[in-house]
Amino acid sequence: LPDFLRNYLKVSRLWVARNSSELNLLQKEVDLAREQVEEV
């Protein structure tokens, strides 16, 4: 069970699903900054 939890079940996926919105927001910020470089 402990090895199964660590390698296959990945309990952390439950936490990451809730935290991915912050990463999406930062990715949009990077994309927007790159667009500004092209505009300039």
ModelCIF file with pLDDT and N, C-alpha, C, O atoms, coordinates in Angstrom:
data_MODEL
#
_entry.id   MODEL 
#
_entity.id                         1 
_entity.type                       polymer 
_entity.pdbx_number_of_molecules   1 
#
_entity_poly.entity_id                      1 
_entity_poly.type                           'polypeptide(L)' 
_entity_poly.nstd_linkage                   no 
_entity_poly.nstd_monomer                   no 
_entity_poly.pdbx_seq_one_letter_code       LPDFLRNYLKVSRLWVARNSSELNLLQKEVDLAREQVEEV 
_entity_poly.pdbx_seq_one_letter_code_can   LPDFLRNYLKVSRLWVARNSSELNLLQKEVDLAREQVEEV 
_entity_poly.pdbx_strand_id                 A 
#
loop_
_entity_poly_seq.entity_id 
_entity_poly_seq.num 
_entity_poly_seq.mon_id 
_entity_poly_seq.hetero 
1 1  LEU n 
1 2  PRO n 
1 3  ASP n 
1 4  PHE n 
1 5  LEU n 
1 6  ARG n 
1 7  ASN n 
1 8  TYR n 
1 9  LEU n 
1 10 LYS n 
1 11 VAL n 
1 12 SER n 
1 13 ARG n 
1 14 LEU n 
1 15 TRP n 
1 16 VAL n 
1 17 ALA n 
1 18 ARG n 
1 19 ASN n 
1 20 SER n 
1 21 SER n 
1 22 GLU n 
1 23 LEU n 
1 24 ASN n 
1 25 LEU n 
1 26 LEU n 
1 27 GLN n 
1 28 LYS n 
1 29 GLU n 
1 30 VAL n 
1 31 ASP n 
1 32 LEU n 
1 33 ALA n 
1 34 ARG n 
1 35 GLU n 
1 36 GLN n 
1 37 VAL n 
1 38 GLU n 
1 39 GLU n 
1 40 VAL n 
#
_struct_asym.id          A 
_struct_asym.entity_id   1 
#
loop_
_ma_qa_metric.id 
_ma_qa_metric.mode 
_ma_qa_metric.name 
_ma_qa_metric.software_group_id 
_ma_qa_metric.type 
1 global pLDDT . pLDDT 
2 local  pLDDT . pLDDT 
#
_ma_qa_metric_global.metric_id      1 
_ma_qa_metric_global.metric_value   82.50 
_ma_qa_metric_global.model_id       1 
_ma_qa_metric_global.ordinal_id     1 
#
loop_
_ma_qa_metric_local.label_asym_id 
_ma_qa_metric_local.label_comp_id 
_ma_qa_metric_local.label_seq_id 
_ma_qa_metric_local.metric_id 
_ma_qa_metric_local.metric_value 
_ma_qa_metric_local.model_id 
_ma_qa_metric_local.ordinal_id 
A LEU 1  2 89.00 1 1  
A PRO 2  2 86.00 1 2  
A ASP 3  2 83.00 1 3  
A PHE 4  2 85.00 1 4  
A LEU 5  2 83.00 1 5  
A ARG 6  2 80.00 1 6  
A ASN 7  2 78.00 1 7  
A TYR 8  2 80.00 1 8  
A LEU 9  2 78.00 1 9  
A LYS 10 2 76.00 1 10 
A VAL 11 2 74.00 1 11 
A SER 12 2 75.00 1 12 
A ARG 13 2 73.00 1 13 
A LEU 14 2 72.00 1 14 
A TRP 15 2 68.00 1 15 
A VAL 16 2 62.00 1 16 
A ALA 17 2 61.00 1 17 
A ARG 18 2 62.00 1 18 
A ASN 19 2 67.00 1 19 
A SER 20 2 76.00 1 20 
A SER 21 2 80.00 1 21 
A GLU 22 2 83.00 1 22 
A LEU 23 2 83.00 1 23 
A ASN 24 2 87.00 1 24 
A LEU 25 2 90.00 1 25 
A LEU 26 2 90.00 1 26 
A GLN 27 2 91.00 1 27 
A LYS 28 2 94.00 1 28 
A GLU 29 2 93.00 1 29 
A VAL 30 2 93.00 1 30 
A ASP 31 2 93.00 1 31 
A LEU 32 2 93.00 1 32 
A ALA 33 2 92.00 1 33 
A ARG 34 2 92.00 1 34 
A GLU 35 2 93.00 1 35 
A GLN 36 2 91.00 1 36 
A VAL 37 2 90.00 1 37 
A GLU 38 2 90.00 1 38 
A GLU 39 2 88.00 1 39 
A VAL 40 2 86.00 1 40 
#
loop_
_atom_site.group_PDB 
_atom_site.id 
_atom_site.type_symbol 
_atom_site.label_atom_id 
_atom_site.label_alt_id 
_atom_site.label_comp_id 
_atom_site.label_asym_id 
_atom_site.label_entity_id 
_atom_site.label_seq_id 
_atom_site.pdbx_PDB_ins_code 
_atom_site.Cartn_x 
_atom_site.Cartn_y 
_atom_site.Cartn_z 
_atom_site.occupancy 
_atom_site.B_iso_or_equiv 
_atom_site.pdbx_formal_charge 
_atom_site.auth_seq_id 
_atom_site.auth_comp_id 
_atom_site.auth_asym_id 
_atom_site.auth_atom_id 
_atom_site.pdbx_PDB_model_num 
ATOM 1   N N  . LEU A 1 1  ? 0.791  -1.228 0.000   1.00 89.00 ? 1  LEU A N  1 
ATOM 2   C CA . LEU A 1 1  ? 0.000  0.000  0.000   1.00 89.00 ? 1  LEU A CA 1 
ATOM 3   C C  . LEU A 1 1  ? 0.829  1.287  0.000   1.00 89.00 ? 1  LEU A C  1 
ATOM 4   O O  . LEU A 1 1  ? 0.530  2.176  -0.797  1.00 89.00 ? 1  LEU A O  1 
ATOM 5   N N  . PRO A 1 2  ? 1.850  1.437  0.846   1.00 86.00 ? 2  PRO A N  1 
ATOM 6   C CA . PRO A 1 2  ? 2.603  2.706  0.814   1.00 86.00 ? 2  PRO A CA 1 
ATOM 7   C C  . PRO A 1 2  ? 3.251  2.986  -0.540  1.00 86.00 ? 2  PRO A C  1 
ATOM 8   O O  . PRO A 1 2  ? 3.236  4.124  -1.009  1.00 86.00 ? 2  PRO A O  1 
ATOM 9   N N  . ASP A 1 3  ? 3.812  1.975  -1.161  1.00 83.00 ? 3  ASP A N  1 
ATOM 10  C CA . ASP A 1 3  ? 4.440  2.165  -2.469  1.00 83.00 ? 3  ASP A CA 1 
ATOM 11  C C  . ASP A 1 3  ? 3.379  2.470  -3.527  1.00 83.00 ? 3  ASP A C  1 
ATOM 12  O O  . ASP A 1 3  ? 3.611  3.277  -4.427  1.00 83.00 ? 3  ASP A O  1 
ATOM 13  N N  . PHE A 1 4  ? 2.228  1.833  -3.420  1.00 85.00 ? 4  PHE A N  1 
ATOM 14  C CA . PHE A 1 4  ? 1.125  2.103  -4.342  1.00 85.00 ? 4  PHE A CA 1 
ATOM 15  C C  . PHE A 1 4  ? 0.648  3.544  -4.198  1.00 85.00 ? 4  PHE A C  1 
ATOM 16  O O  . PHE A 1 4  ? 0.381  4.216  -5.195  1.00 85.00 ? 4  PHE A O  1 
ATOM 17  N N  . LEU A 1 5  ? 0.539  4.020  -2.956  1.00 83.00 ? 5  LEU A N  1 
ATOM 18  C CA . LEU A 1 5  ? 0.114  5.401  -2.727  1.00 83.00 ? 5  LEU A CA 1 
ATOM 19  C C  . LEU A 1 5  ? 1.108  6.395  -3.305  1.00 83.00 ? 5  LEU A C  1 
ATOM 20  O O  . LEU A 1 5  ? 0.709  7.407  -3.881  1.00 83.00 ? 5  LEU A O  1 
ATOM 21  N N  . ARG A 1 6  ? 2.379  6.120  -3.160  1.00 80.00 ? 6  ARG A N  1 
ATOM 22  C CA . ARG A 1 6  ? 3.399  7.059  -3.616  1.00 80.00 ? 6  ARG A CA 1 
ATOM 23  C C  . ARG A 1 6  ? 3.554  7.051  -5.135  1.00 80.00 ? 6  ARG A C  1 
ATOM 24  O O  . ARG A 1 6  ? 3.676  8.110  -5.751  1.00 80.00 ? 6  ARG A O  1 
ATOM 25  N N  . ASN A 1 7  ? 3.550  5.867  -5.741  1.00 78.00 ? 7  ASN A N  1 
ATOM 26  C CA . ASN A 1 7  ? 3.891  5.775  -7.159  1.00 78.00 ? 7  ASN A CA 1 
ATOM 27  C C  . ASN A 1 7  ? 2.718  5.729  -8.118  1.00 78.00 ? 7  ASN A C  1 
ATOM 28  O O  . ASN A 1 7  ? 2.857  6.134  -9.272  1.00 78.00 ? 7  ASN A O  1 
ATOM 29  N N  . TYR A 1 8  ? 1.557  5.243  -7.671  1.00 80.00 ? 8  TYR A N  1 
ATOM 30  C CA . TYR A 1 8  ? 0.465  5.051  -8.613  1.00 80.00 ? 8  TYR A CA 1 
ATOM 31  C C  . TYR A 1 8  ? -0.764 5.897  -8.309  1.00 80.00 ? 8  TYR A C  1 
ATOM 32  O O  . TYR A 1 8  ? -1.351 6.478  -9.222  1.00 80.00 ? 8  TYR A O  1 
ATOM 33  N N  . LEU A 1 9  ? -1.158 5.974  -7.063  1.00 78.00 ? 9  LEU A N  1 
ATOM 34  C CA . LEU A 1 9  ? -2.368 6.710  -6.715  1.00 78.00 ? 9  LEU A CA 1 
ATOM 35  C C  . LEU A 1 9  ? -2.131 8.215  -6.733  1.00 78.00 ? 9  LEU A C  1 
ATOM 36  O O  . LEU A 1 9  ? -3.008 8.976  -7.142  1.00 78.00 ? 9  LEU A O  1 
ATOM 37  N N  . LYS A 1 10 ? -0.959 8.647  -6.294  1.00 76.00 ? 10 LYS A N  1 
ATOM 38  C CA . LYS A 1 10 ? -0.570 10.065 -6.278  1.00 76.00 ? 10 LYS A CA 1 
ATOM 39  C C  . LYS A 1 10 ? -1.639 10.913 -5.597  1.00 76.00 ? 10 LYS A C  1 
ATOM 40  O O  . LYS A 1 10 ? -2.425 11.593 -6.256  1.00 76.00 ? 10 LYS A O  1 
ATOM 41  N N  . VAL A 1 11 ? -1.655 10.861 -4.292  1.00 74.00 ? 11 VAL A N  1 
ATOM 42  C CA . VAL A 1 11 ? -2.605 11.625 -3.494  1.00 74.00 ? 11 VAL A CA 1 
ATOM 43  C C  . VAL A 1 11 ? -2.490 13.115 -3.786  1.00 74.00 ? 11 VAL A C  1 
ATOM 44  O O  . VAL A 1 11 ? -3.461 13.855 -3.626  1.00 74.00 ? 11 VAL A O  1 
ATOM 45  N N  . SER A 1 12 ? -1.322 13.557 -4.207  1.00 75.00 ? 12 SER A N  1 
ATOM 46  C CA . SER A 1 12 ? -1.101 14.979 -4.466  1.00 75.00 ? 12 SER A CA 1 
ATOM 47  C C  . SER A 1 12 ? -1.920 15.500 -5.635  1.00 75.00 ? 12 SER A C  1 
ATOM 48  O O  . SER A 1 12 ? -2.089 16.712 -5.765  1.00 75.00 ? 12 SER A O  1 
ATOM 49  N N  . ARG A 1 13 ? -2.436 14.622 -6.492  1.00 73.00 ? 13 ARG A N  1 
ATOM 50  C CA . ARG A 1 13 ? -3.254 15.078 -7.617  1.00 73.00 ? 13 ARG A CA 1 
ATOM 51  C C  . ARG A 1 13 ? -4.508 15.793 -7.134  1.00 73.00 ? 13 ARG A C  1 
ATOM 52  O O  . ARG A 1 13 ? -5.005 16.700 -7.801  1.00 73.00 ? 13 ARG A O  1 
ATOM 53  N N  . LEU A 1 14 ? -5.018 15.390 -5.984  1.00 72.00 ? 14 LEU A N  1 
ATOM 54  C CA . LEU A 1 14 ? -6.201 16.035 -5.437  1.00 72.00 ? 14 LEU A CA 1 
ATOM 55  C C  . LEU A 1 14 ? -5.900 17.481 -5.063  1.00 72.00 ? 14 LEU A C  1 
ATOM 56  O O  . LEU A 1 14 ? -6.745 18.356 -5.248  1.00 72.00 ? 14 LEU A O  1 
ATOM 57  N N  . TRP A 1 15 ? -4.700 17.740 -4.537  1.00 68.00 ? 15 TRP A N  1 
ATOM 58  C CA . TRP A 1 15 ? -4.315 19.091 -4.147  1.00 68.00 ? 15 TRP A CA 1 
ATOM 59  C C  . TRP A 1 15 ? -4.002 19.939 -5.372  1.00 68.00 ? 15 TRP A C  1 
ATOM 60  O O  . TRP A 1 15 ? -4.330 21.125 -5.404  1.00 68.00 ? 15 TRP A O  1 
ATOM 61  N N  . VAL A 1 16 ? -3.378 19.348 -6.374  1.00 62.00 ? 16 VAL A N  1 
ATOM 62  C CA . VAL A 1 16 ? -2.916 20.092 -7.536  1.00 62.00 ? 16 VAL A CA 1 
ATOM 63  C C  . VAL A 1 16 ? -4.097 20.565 -8.382  1.00 62.00 ? 16 VAL A C  1 
ATOM 64  O O  . VAL A 1 16 ? -4.017 21.631 -8.992  1.00 62.00 ? 16 VAL A O  1 
ATOM 65  N N  . ALA A 1 17 ? -5.169 19.815 -8.432  1.00 61.00 ? 17 ALA A N  1 
ATOM 66  C CA . ALA A 1 17 ? -6.319 20.218 -9.235  1.00 61.00 ? 17 ALA A CA 1 
ATOM 67  C C  . ALA A 1 17 ? -6.869 21.554 -8.753  1.00 61.00 ? 17 ALA A C  1 
ATOM 68  O O  . ALA A 1 17 ? -7.392 22.341 -9.542  1.00 61.00 ? 17 ALA A O  1 
ATOM 69  N N  . ARG A 1 18 ? -6.750 21.796 -7.478  1.00 62.00 ? 18 ARG A N  1 
ATOM 70  C CA . ARG A 1 18 ? -7.259 23.036 -6.906  1.00 62.00 ? 18 ARG A CA 1 
ATOM 71  C C  . ARG A 1 18 ? -6.246 24.170 -7.084  1.00 62.00 ? 18 ARG A C  1 
ATOM 72  O O  . ARG A 1 18 ? -6.639 25.336 -7.089  1.00 62.00 ? 18 ARG A O  1 
ATOM 73  N N  . ASN A 1 19 ? -4.965 23.863 -7.229  1.00 67.00 ? 19 ASN A N  1 
ATOM 74  C CA . ASN A 1 19 ? -3.919 24.875 -7.308  1.00 67.00 ? 19 ASN A CA 1 
ATOM 75  C C  . ASN A 1 19 ? -3.563 25.244 -8.753  1.00 67.00 ? 19 ASN A C  1 
ATOM 76  O O  . ASN A 1 19 ? -2.801 26.187 -8.969  1.00 67.00 ? 19 ASN A O  1 
ATOM 77  N N  . SER A 1 20 ? -4.090 24.532 -9.731  1.00 76.00 ? 20 SER A N  1 
ATOM 78  C CA . SER A 1 20 ? -3.696 24.770 -11.122 1.00 76.00 ? 20 SER A CA 1 
ATOM 79  C C  . SER A 1 20 ? -4.211 26.103 -11.647 1.00 76.00 ? 20 SER A C  1 
ATOM 80  O O  . SER A 1 20 ? -3.674 26.610 -12.632 1.00 76.00 ? 20 SER A O  1 
ATOM 81  N N  . SER A 1 21 ? -5.227 26.686 -11.031 1.00 80.00 ? 21 SER A N  1 
ATOM 82  C CA . SER A 1 21 ? -5.732 27.982 -11.496 1.00 80.00 ? 21 SER A CA 1 
ATOM 83  C C  . SER A 1 21 ? -4.668 29.070 -11.343 1.00 80.00 ? 21 SER A C  1 
ATOM 84  O O  . SER A 1 21 ? -4.577 29.970 -12.178 1.00 80.00 ? 21 SER A O  1 
ATOM 85  N N  . GLU A 1 22 ? -3.867 28.992 -10.286 1.00 83.00 ? 22 GLU A N  1 
ATOM 86  C CA . GLU A 1 22 ? -2.791 29.969 -10.092 1.00 83.00 ? 22 GLU A CA 1 
ATOM 87  C C  . GLU A 1 22 ? -1.741 29.840 -11.195 1.00 83.00 ? 22 GLU A C  1 
ATOM 88  O O  . GLU A 1 22 ? -1.240 30.844 -11.701 1.00 83.00 ? 22 GLU A O  1 
ATOM 89  N N  . LEU A 1 23 ? -1.412 28.608 -11.562 1.00 83.00 ? 23 LEU A N  1 
ATOM 90  C CA . LEU A 1 23 ? -0.442 28.401 -12.642 1.00 83.00 ? 23 LEU A CA 1 
ATOM 91  C C  . LEU A 1 23 ? -0.999 28.869 -13.983 1.00 83.00 ? 23 LEU A C  1 
ATOM 92  O O  . LEU A 1 23 ? -0.268 29.430 -14.799 1.00 83.00 ? 23 LEU A O  1 
ATOM 93  N N  . ASN A 1 24 ? -2.279 28.644 -14.209 1.00 87.00 ? 24 ASN A N  1 
ATOM 94  C CA . ASN A 1 24 ? -2.899 29.119 -15.454 1.00 87.00 ? 24 ASN A CA 1 
ATOM 95  C C  . ASN A 1 24 ? -2.863 30.644 -15.531 1.00 87.00 ? 24 ASN A C  1 
ATOM 96  O O  . ASN A 1 24 ? -2.622 31.211 -16.597 1.00 87.00 ? 24 ASN A O  1 
ATOM 97  N N  . LEU A 1 25 ? -3.099 31.292 -14.416 1.00 90.00 ? 25 LEU A N  1 
ATOM 98  C CA . LEU A 1 25 ? -3.067 32.753 -14.364 1.00 90.00 ? 25 LEU A CA 1 
ATOM 99  C C  . LEU A 1 25 ? -1.654 33.269 -14.676 1.00 90.00 ? 25 LEU A C  1 
ATOM 100 O O  . LEU A 1 25 ? -1.489 34.227 -15.431 1.00 90.00 ? 25 LEU A O  1 
ATOM 101 N N  . LEU A 1 26 ? -0.643 32.625 -14.088 1.00 90.00 ? 26 LEU A N  1 
ATOM 102 C CA . LEU A 1 26 ? 0.738  33.030 -14.361 1.00 90.00 ? 26 LEU A CA 1 
ATOM 103 C C  . LEU A 1 26 ? 1.132  32.752 -15.814 1.00 90.00 ? 26 LEU A C  1 
ATOM 104 O O  . LEU A 1 26 ? 1.881  33.528 -16.408 1.00 90.00 ? 26 LEU A O  1 
ATOM 105 N N  . GLN A 1 27 ? 0.636  31.657 -16.391 1.00 91.00 ? 27 GLN A N  1 
ATOM 106 C CA . GLN A 1 27 ? 0.921  31.347 -17.789 1.00 91.00 ? 27 GLN A CA 1 
ATOM 107 C C  . GLN A 1 27 ? 0.287  32.390 -18.706 1.00 91.00 ? 27 GLN A C  1 
ATOM 108 O O  . GLN A 1 27 ? 0.888  32.788 -19.704 1.00 91.00 ? 27 GLN A O  1 
ATOM 109 N N  . LYS A 1 28 ? -0.919 32.832 -18.373 1.00 94.00 ? 28 LYS A N  1 
ATOM 110 C CA . LYS A 1 28 ? -1.565 33.892 -19.158 1.00 94.00 ? 28 LYS A CA 1 
ATOM 111 C C  . LYS A 1 28 ? -0.770 35.189 -19.063 1.00 94.00 ? 28 LYS A C  1 
ATOM 112 O O  . LYS A 1 28 ? -0.667 35.932 -20.040 1.00 94.00 ? 28 LYS A O  1 
ATOM 113 N N  . GLU A 1 29 ? -0.212 35.458 -17.891 1.00 93.00 ? 29 GLU A N  1 
ATOM 114 C CA . GLU A 1 29 ? 0.607  36.657 -17.706 1.00 93.00 ? 29 GLU A CA 1 
ATOM 115 C C  . GLU A 1 29 ? 1.851  36.600 -18.594 1.00 93.00 ? 29 GLU A C  1 
ATOM 116 O O  . GLU A 1 29 ? 2.229  37.607 -19.192 1.00 93.00 ? 29 GLU A O  1 
ATOM 117 N N  . VAL A 1 30 ? 2.485  35.435 -18.683 1.00 93.00 ? 30 VAL A N  1 
ATOM 118 C CA . VAL A 1 30 ? 3.658  35.260 -19.544 1.00 93.00 ? 30 VAL A CA 1 
ATOM 119 C C  . VAL A 1 30 ? 3.268  35.452 -21.008 1.00 93.00 ? 30 VAL A C  1 
ATOM 120 O O  . VAL A 1 30 ? 3.971  36.128 -21.759 1.00 93.00 ? 30 VAL A O  1 
ATOM 121 N N  . ASP A 1 31 ? 2.140  34.853 -21.412 1.00 93.00 ? 31 ASP A N  1 
ATOM 122 C CA . ASP A 1 31 ? 1.689  35.007 -22.802 1.00 93.00 ? 31 ASP A CA 1 
ATOM 123 C C  . ASP A 1 31 ? 1.390  36.457 -23.146 1.00 93.00 ? 31 ASP A C  1 
ATOM 124 O O  . ASP A 1 31 ? 1.720  36.925 -24.236 1.00 93.00 ? 31 ASP A O  1 
ATOM 125 N N  . LEU A 1 32 ? 0.769  37.163 -22.217 1.00 93.00 ? 32 LEU A N  1 
ATOM 126 C CA . LEU A 1 32 ? 0.457  38.572 -22.433 1.00 93.00 ? 32 LEU A CA 1 
ATOM 127 C C  . LEU A 1 32 ? 1.741  39.401 -22.564 1.00 93.00 ? 32 LEU A C  1 
ATOM 128 O O  . LEU A 1 32 ? 1.825  40.289 -23.413 1.00 93.00 ? 32 LEU A O  1 
ATOM 129 N N  . ALA A 1 33 ? 2.727  39.112 -21.733 1.00 92.00 ? 33 ALA A N  1 
ATOM 130 C CA . ALA A 1 33 ? 3.999  39.835 -21.800 1.00 92.00 ? 33 ALA A CA 1 
ATOM 131 C C  . ALA A 1 33 ? 4.709  39.560 -23.125 1.00 92.00 ? 33 ALA A C  1 
ATOM 132 O O  . ALA A 1 33 ? 5.325  40.463 -23.692 1.00 92.00 ? 33 ALA A O  1 
ATOM 133 N N  . ARG A 1 34 ? 4.630  38.330 -23.623 1.00 92.00 ? 34 ARG A N  1 
ATOM 134 C CA . ARG A 1 34 ? 5.252  38.009 -24.920 1.00 92.00 ? 34 ARG A CA 1 
ATOM 135 C C  . ARG A 1 34 ? 4.544  38.732 -26.065 1.00 92.00 ? 34 ARG A C  1 
ATOM 136 O O  . ARG A 1 34 ? 5.176  39.194 -27.014 1.00 92.00 ? 34 ARG A O  1 
ATOM 137 N N  . GLU A 1 35 ? 3.219  38.819 -25.953 1.00 93.00 ? 35 GLU A N  1 
ATOM 138 C CA . GLU A 1 35 ? 2.478  39.572 -26.970 1.00 93.00 ? 35 GLU A CA 1 
ATOM 139 C C  . GLU A 1 35 ? 2.885  41.043 -26.958 1.00 93.00 ? 35 GLU A C  1 
ATOM 140 O O  . GLU A 1 35 ? 2.988  41.663 -28.016 1.00 93.00 ? 35 GLU A O  1 
ATOM 141 N N  . GLN A 1 36 ? 3.114  41.600 -25.790 1.00 91.00 ? 36 GLN A N  1 
ATOM 142 C CA . GLN A 1 36 ? 3.535  42.994 -25.685 1.00 91.00 ? 36 GLN A CA 1 
ATOM 143 C C  . GLN A 1 36 ? 4.899  43.209 -26.327 1.00 91.00 ? 36 GLN A C  1 
ATOM 144 O O  . GLN A 1 36 ? 5.142  44.245 -26.947 1.00 91.00 ? 36 GLN A O  1 
ATOM 145 N N  . VAL A 1 37 ? 5.789  42.232 -26.180 1.00 90.00 ? 37 VAL A N  1 
ATOM 146 C CA . VAL A 1 37 ? 7.107  42.329 -26.819 1.00 90.00 ? 37 VAL A CA 1 
ATOM 147 C C  . VAL A 1 37 ? 6.940  42.372 -28.335 1.00 90.00 ? 37 VAL A C  1 
ATOM 148 O O  . VAL A 1 37 ? 7.585  43.179 -29.006 1.00 90.00 ? 37 VAL A O  1 
ATOM 149 N N  . GLU A 1 38 ? 6.095  41.525 -28.871 1.00 90.00 ? 38 GLU A N  1 
ATOM 150 C CA . GLU A 1 38 ? 5.875  41.514 -30.321 1.00 90.00 ? 38 GLU A CA 1 
ATOM 151 C C  . GLU A 1 38 ? 5.237  42.813 -30.799 1.00 90.00 ? 38 GLU A C  1 
ATOM 152 O O  . GLU A 1 38 ? 5.573  43.322 -31.869 1.00 90.00 ? 38 GLU A O  1 
ATOM 153 N N  . GLU A 1 39 ? 4.303  43.352 -29.991 1.00 88.00 ? 39 GLU A N  1 
ATOM 154 C CA . GLU A 1 39 ? 3.677  44.623 -30.358 1.00 88.00 ? 39 GLU A CA 1 
ATOM 155 C C  . GLU A 1 39 ? 4.709  45.748 -30.392 1.00 88.00 ? 39 GLU A C  1 
ATOM 156 O O  . GLU A 1 39 ? 4.702  46.582 -31.298 1.00 88.00 ? 39 GLU A O  1 
ATOM 157 N N  . VAL A 1 40 ? 5.593  45.761 -29.400 1.00 86.00 ? 40 VAL A N  1 
ATOM 158 C CA . VAL A 1 40 ? 6.622  46.804 -29.346 1.00 86.00 ? 40 VAL A CA 1 
ATOM 159 C C  . VAL A 1 40 ? 7.589  46.649 -30.518 1.00 86.00 ? 40 VAL A C  1 
ATOM 160 O O  . VAL A 1 40 ? 8.529  47.433 -30.650 1.00 86.00 ? 40 VAL A O  1 
#
